[in-house]
Each structure stands twice: as C-alpha cells, then as structure tokens.
Amino acid sequence: MLTIKRFGALAAVVGLVALGVTAMPGKAEAWWRGGWCCGVGIYLPPVVIAPPGYYATPPVYYPPPPVAYAPPPPPPPGYYAPQQQGQWLPGHYEGGYWVPGHWG
C-alpha cells in the first residue's frame, strides 16, 4: 500500500515537471531553421499522422437505382383541386399564443 502511494506521488511530480518544461517559454524558431528541439538542429519536419489523401473504392459494385421519373398520373375527370379561400384573418390570440395575420 505504501509503495503504491509513493509511486503515485512520484508519477504526479514527474508529470508536473514534464508539464512545466513543456510550457516553458522559449525562442520562436521554426523547425526548418534548426531550433525545433533543445537547440539541436533538426532539419526534418516533425512526423504528422493523418488520414490518407484518398480512399479506395469498395470492392463490391453497387448498381445505381433504376431511373423512373414518370410524371404523376392525371387527376380523374371532374376533379377540381381545392382553391385557397381569399379571406384575410387579422392577427389574433389562439390558445394563449399570438398568431400574426394570415390568409385563411
């Protein structure tokens, strides 16, 4: 039990020291000028891990859906679409809420 506490305290101290060293202000030199790490000239760019620039097509071919854009059938004879009533309803309260004016 005592060694676990000591190990935890040591890990916390090492973590705080590492955080302090990382956050310390330093010169703002770019990596290609040789000042990227500890004053030692590093002339290679840092390694960047990123997703690939391309994605391979899946090995299975999925055919496109069939194209059938037919117009809707005409309405039956004698059918008339409902027309909008030409009444203007001024603003009013409905169920405790204000409803602005609209065509009804």
C-alpha atoms as a PDB file:
ATOM      1  CA  MET A   1       0.000   0.000   0.000  1.00  0.00           C
ATOM      2  CA  LEU A   2       2.802   2.367   0.866  1.00  0.00           C
ATOM      3  CA  THR A   3       4.655   1.692  -2.402  1.00  0.00           C
ATOM      4  CA  ILE A   4       1.538   2.441  -4.451  1.00  0.00           C
ATOM      5  CA  LYS A   5       1.199   5.818  -2.730  1.00  0.00           C
ATOM      6  CA  ARG A   6       4.874   6.581  -3.298  1.00  0.00           C
ATOM      7  CA  PHE A   7       4.601   5.558  -6.937  1.00  0.00           C
ATOM      8  CA  GLY A   8       1.540   7.781  -7.382  1.00  0.00           C
ATOM      9  CA  ALA A   9       3.282  10.746  -5.774  1.00  0.00           C
ATOM     10  CA  LEU A  10       6.392  10.198  -7.897  1.00  0.00           C
ATOM     11  CA  ALA A  11       4.269   9.964 -11.076  1.00  0.00           C
ATOM     12  CA  ALA A  12       2.461  13.193 -10.161  1.00  0.00           C
ATOM     13  CA  VAL A  13       5.747  15.041  -9.566  1.00  0.00           C
ATOM     14  CA  VAL A  14       7.242  13.749 -12.833  1.00  0.00           C
ATOM     15  CA  GLY A  15       4.062  14.760 -14.679  1.00  0.00           C
ATOM     16  CA  LEU A  16       4.126  18.269 -13.238  1.00  0.00           C
ATOM     17  CA  VAL A  17       7.802  18.668 -14.106  1.00  0.00           C
ATOM     18  CA  ALA A  18       7.141  17.496 -17.666  1.00  0.00           C
ATOM     19  CA  LEU A  19       4.218  19.902 -17.960  1.00  0.00           C
ATOM     20  CA  GLY A  20       6.338  22.774 -16.659  1.00  0.00           C
ATOM     21  CA  VAL A  21       9.181  22.036 -19.065  1.00  0.00           C
ATOM     22  CA  THR A  22       6.744  21.821 -21.975  1.00  0.00           C
ATOM     23  CA  ALA A  23       5.009  25.084 -21.068  1.00  0.00           C
ATOM     24  CA  MET A  24       8.258  26.999 -20.535  1.00  0.00           C
ATOM     25  CA  PRO A  25       8.635  29.965 -22.882  1.00  0.00           C
ATOM     26  CA  GLY A  26      11.388  29.709 -25.432  1.00  0.00           C
ATOM     27  CA  LYS A  27      12.555  31.070 -28.754  1.00  0.00           C
ATOM     28  CA  ALA A  28      10.002  31.012 -31.547  1.00  0.00           C
ATOM     29  CA  GLU A  29      12.219  29.359 -34.129  1.00  0.00           C
ATOM     30  CA  ALA A  30      10.741  27.193 -36.803  1.00  0.00           C
ATOM     31  CA  TRP A  31      11.827  23.573 -37.134  1.00  0.00           C
ATOM     32  CA  TRP A  32      13.409  24.197 -40.543  1.00  0.00           C
ATOM     33  CA  ARG A  33      15.764  26.795 -39.026  1.00  0.00           C
ATOM     34  CA  GLY A  34      17.307  24.242 -36.715  1.00  0.00           C
ATOM     35  CA  GLY A  35      15.709  25.307 -33.457  1.00  0.00           C
ATOM     36  CA  TRP A  36      12.888  22.821 -33.064  1.00  0.00           C
ATOM     37  CA  CYS A  37      14.226  20.802 -30.145  1.00  0.00           C
ATOM     38  CA  CYS A  38      16.684  21.619 -27.403  1.00  0.00           C
ATOM     39  CA  GLY A  39      18.913  23.820 -29.565  1.00  0.00           C
ATOM     40  CA  VAL A  40      19.892  20.849 -31.704  1.00  0.00           C
ATOM     41  CA  GLY A  41      19.432  21.412 -35.408  1.00  0.00           C
ATOM     42  CA  ILE A  42      16.696  19.144 -36.738  1.00  0.00           C
ATOM     43  CA  TYR A  43      16.264  19.529 -40.448  1.00  0.00           C
ATOM     44  CA  LEU A  44      13.473  17.022 -40.987  1.00  0.00           C
ATOM     45  CA  PRO A  45       9.875  18.101 -40.455  1.00  0.00           C
ATOM     46  CA  PRO A  46       8.032  16.621 -37.497  1.00  0.00           C
ATOM     47  CA  VAL A  47       6.037  13.464 -38.181  1.00  0.00           C
ATOM     48  CA  VAL A  48       2.365  14.123 -38.837  1.00  0.00           C
ATOM     49  CA  ILE A  49      -0.112  11.276 -38.666  1.00  0.00           C
ATOM     50  CA  ALA A  50      -3.158  11.993 -40.807  1.00  0.00           C
ATOM     51  CA  PRO A  51      -5.771  10.038 -42.736  1.00  0.00           C
ATOM     52  CA  PRO A  52      -4.840   9.099 -46.284  1.00  0.00           C
ATOM     53  CA  GLY A  53      -5.375  11.635 -49.028  1.00  0.00           C
ATOM     54  CA  TYR A  54      -7.512   9.188 -50.969  1.00  0.00           C
ATOM     55  CA  TYR A  55      -9.995   6.482 -50.166  1.00  0.00           C
ATOM     56  CA  ALA A  56     -10.064   3.312 -52.204  1.00  0.00           C
ATOM     57  CA  THR A  57     -13.366   2.332 -53.744  1.00  0.00           C
ATOM     58  CA  PRO A  58     -15.152  -0.540 -52.066  1.00  0.00           C
ATOM     59  CA  PRO A  59     -14.572  -3.920 -53.699  1.00  0.00           C
ATOM     60  CA  VAL A  60     -18.303  -4.510 -54.198  1.00  0.00           C
ATOM     61  CA  TYR A  61     -20.130  -2.827 -57.064  1.00  0.00           C
ATOM     62  CA  TYR A  62     -23.447  -1.306 -56.119  1.00  0.00           C
ATOM     63  CA  PRO A  63     -25.506  -0.561 -59.220  1.00  0.00           C
ATOM     64  CA  PRO A  64     -27.408   2.715 -59.211  1.00  0.00           C
ATOM     65  CA  PRO A  65     -31.138   2.522 -58.557  1.00  0.00           C
ATOM     66  CA  PRO A  66     -33.356   2.356 -61.627  1.00  0.00           C
ATOM     67  CA  VAL A  67     -34.333   5.710 -63.019  1.00  0.00           C
ATOM     68  CA  ALA A  68     -38.067   6.078 -63.429  1.00  0.00           C
ATOM     69  CA  TYR A  69     -39.049   9.693 -63.189  1.00  0.00           C
ATOM     70  CA  ALA A  70     -42.512   9.493 -64.651  1.00  0.00           C
ATOM     71  CA  PRO A  71     -44.927  12.365 -64.137  1.00  0.00           C
ATOM     72  CA  PRO A  72     -47.790  11.710 -61.733  1.00  0.00           C
ATOM     73  CA  PRO A  73     -50.970  10.378 -63.316  1.00  0.00           C
ATOM     74  CA  PRO A  74     -53.556  12.979 -64.266  1.00  0.00           C
ATOM     75  CA  PRO A  75     -56.438  13.531 -61.855  1.00  0.00           C
ATOM     76  CA  PRO A  76     -59.712  11.758 -62.600  1.00  0.00           C
ATOM     77  CA  PRO A  77     -62.258  13.666 -64.705  1.00  0.00           C
ATOM     78  CA  GLY A  78     -64.420  16.065 -62.753  1.00  0.00           C
ATOM     79  CA  TYR A  79     -61.771  16.576 -60.052  1.00  0.00           C
ATOM     80  CA  TYR A  80     -61.040  20.118 -59.038  1.00  0.00           C
ATOM     81  CA  ALA A  81     -58.208  20.943 -56.656  1.00  0.00           C
ATOM     82  CA  PRO A  82     -59.361  22.887 -53.611  1.00  0.00           C
ATOM     83  CA  GLN A  83     -58.841  26.581 -54.075  1.00  0.00           C
ATOM     84  CA  GLN A  84     -57.474  28.874 -51.411  1.00  0.00           C
ATOM     85  CA  GLN A  85     -60.121  30.879 -49.691  1.00  0.00           C
ATOM     86  CA  GLY A  86     -59.457  34.562 -50.249  1.00  0.00           C
ATOM     87  CA  GLN A  87     -60.096  35.599 -46.638  1.00  0.00           C
ATOM     88  CA  TRP A  88     -57.572  37.609 -44.673  1.00  0.00           C
ATOM     89  CA  LEU A  89     -57.534  36.776 -40.983  1.00  0.00           C
ATOM     90  CA  PRO A  90     -56.044  39.588 -38.890  1.00  0.00           C
ATOM     91  CA  GLY A  91     -53.683  38.790 -36.043  1.00  0.00           C
ATOM     92  CA  HIS A  92     -55.358  37.120 -33.082  1.00  0.00           C
ATOM     93  CA  TYR A  93     -54.751  35.025 -29.998  1.00  0.00           C
ATOM     94  CA  GLU A  94     -55.240  31.293 -30.398  1.00  0.00           C
ATOM     95  CA  GLY A  95     -54.818  29.058 -27.368  1.00  0.00           C
ATOM     96  CA  GLY A  96     -52.877  31.702 -25.464  1.00  0.00           C
ATOM     97  CA  TYR A  97     -50.422  32.360 -28.336  1.00  0.00           C
ATOM     98  CA  TRP A  98     -50.338  35.319 -30.703  1.00  0.00           C
ATOM     99  CA  VAL A  99     -50.893  34.319 -34.312  1.00  0.00           C
ATOM    100  CA  PRO A 100     -49.982  37.005 -36.863  1.00  0.00           C
ATOM    101  CA  GLY A 101     -52.346  37.802 -39.713  1.00  0.00           C
ATOM    102  CA  HIS A 102     -52.580  35.227 -42.478  1.00  0.00           C
ATOM    103  CA  TRP A 103     -54.729  34.021 -45.361  1.00  0.00           C
ATOM    104  CA  GLY A 104     -57.293  31.541 -44.130  1.00  0.00           C
END
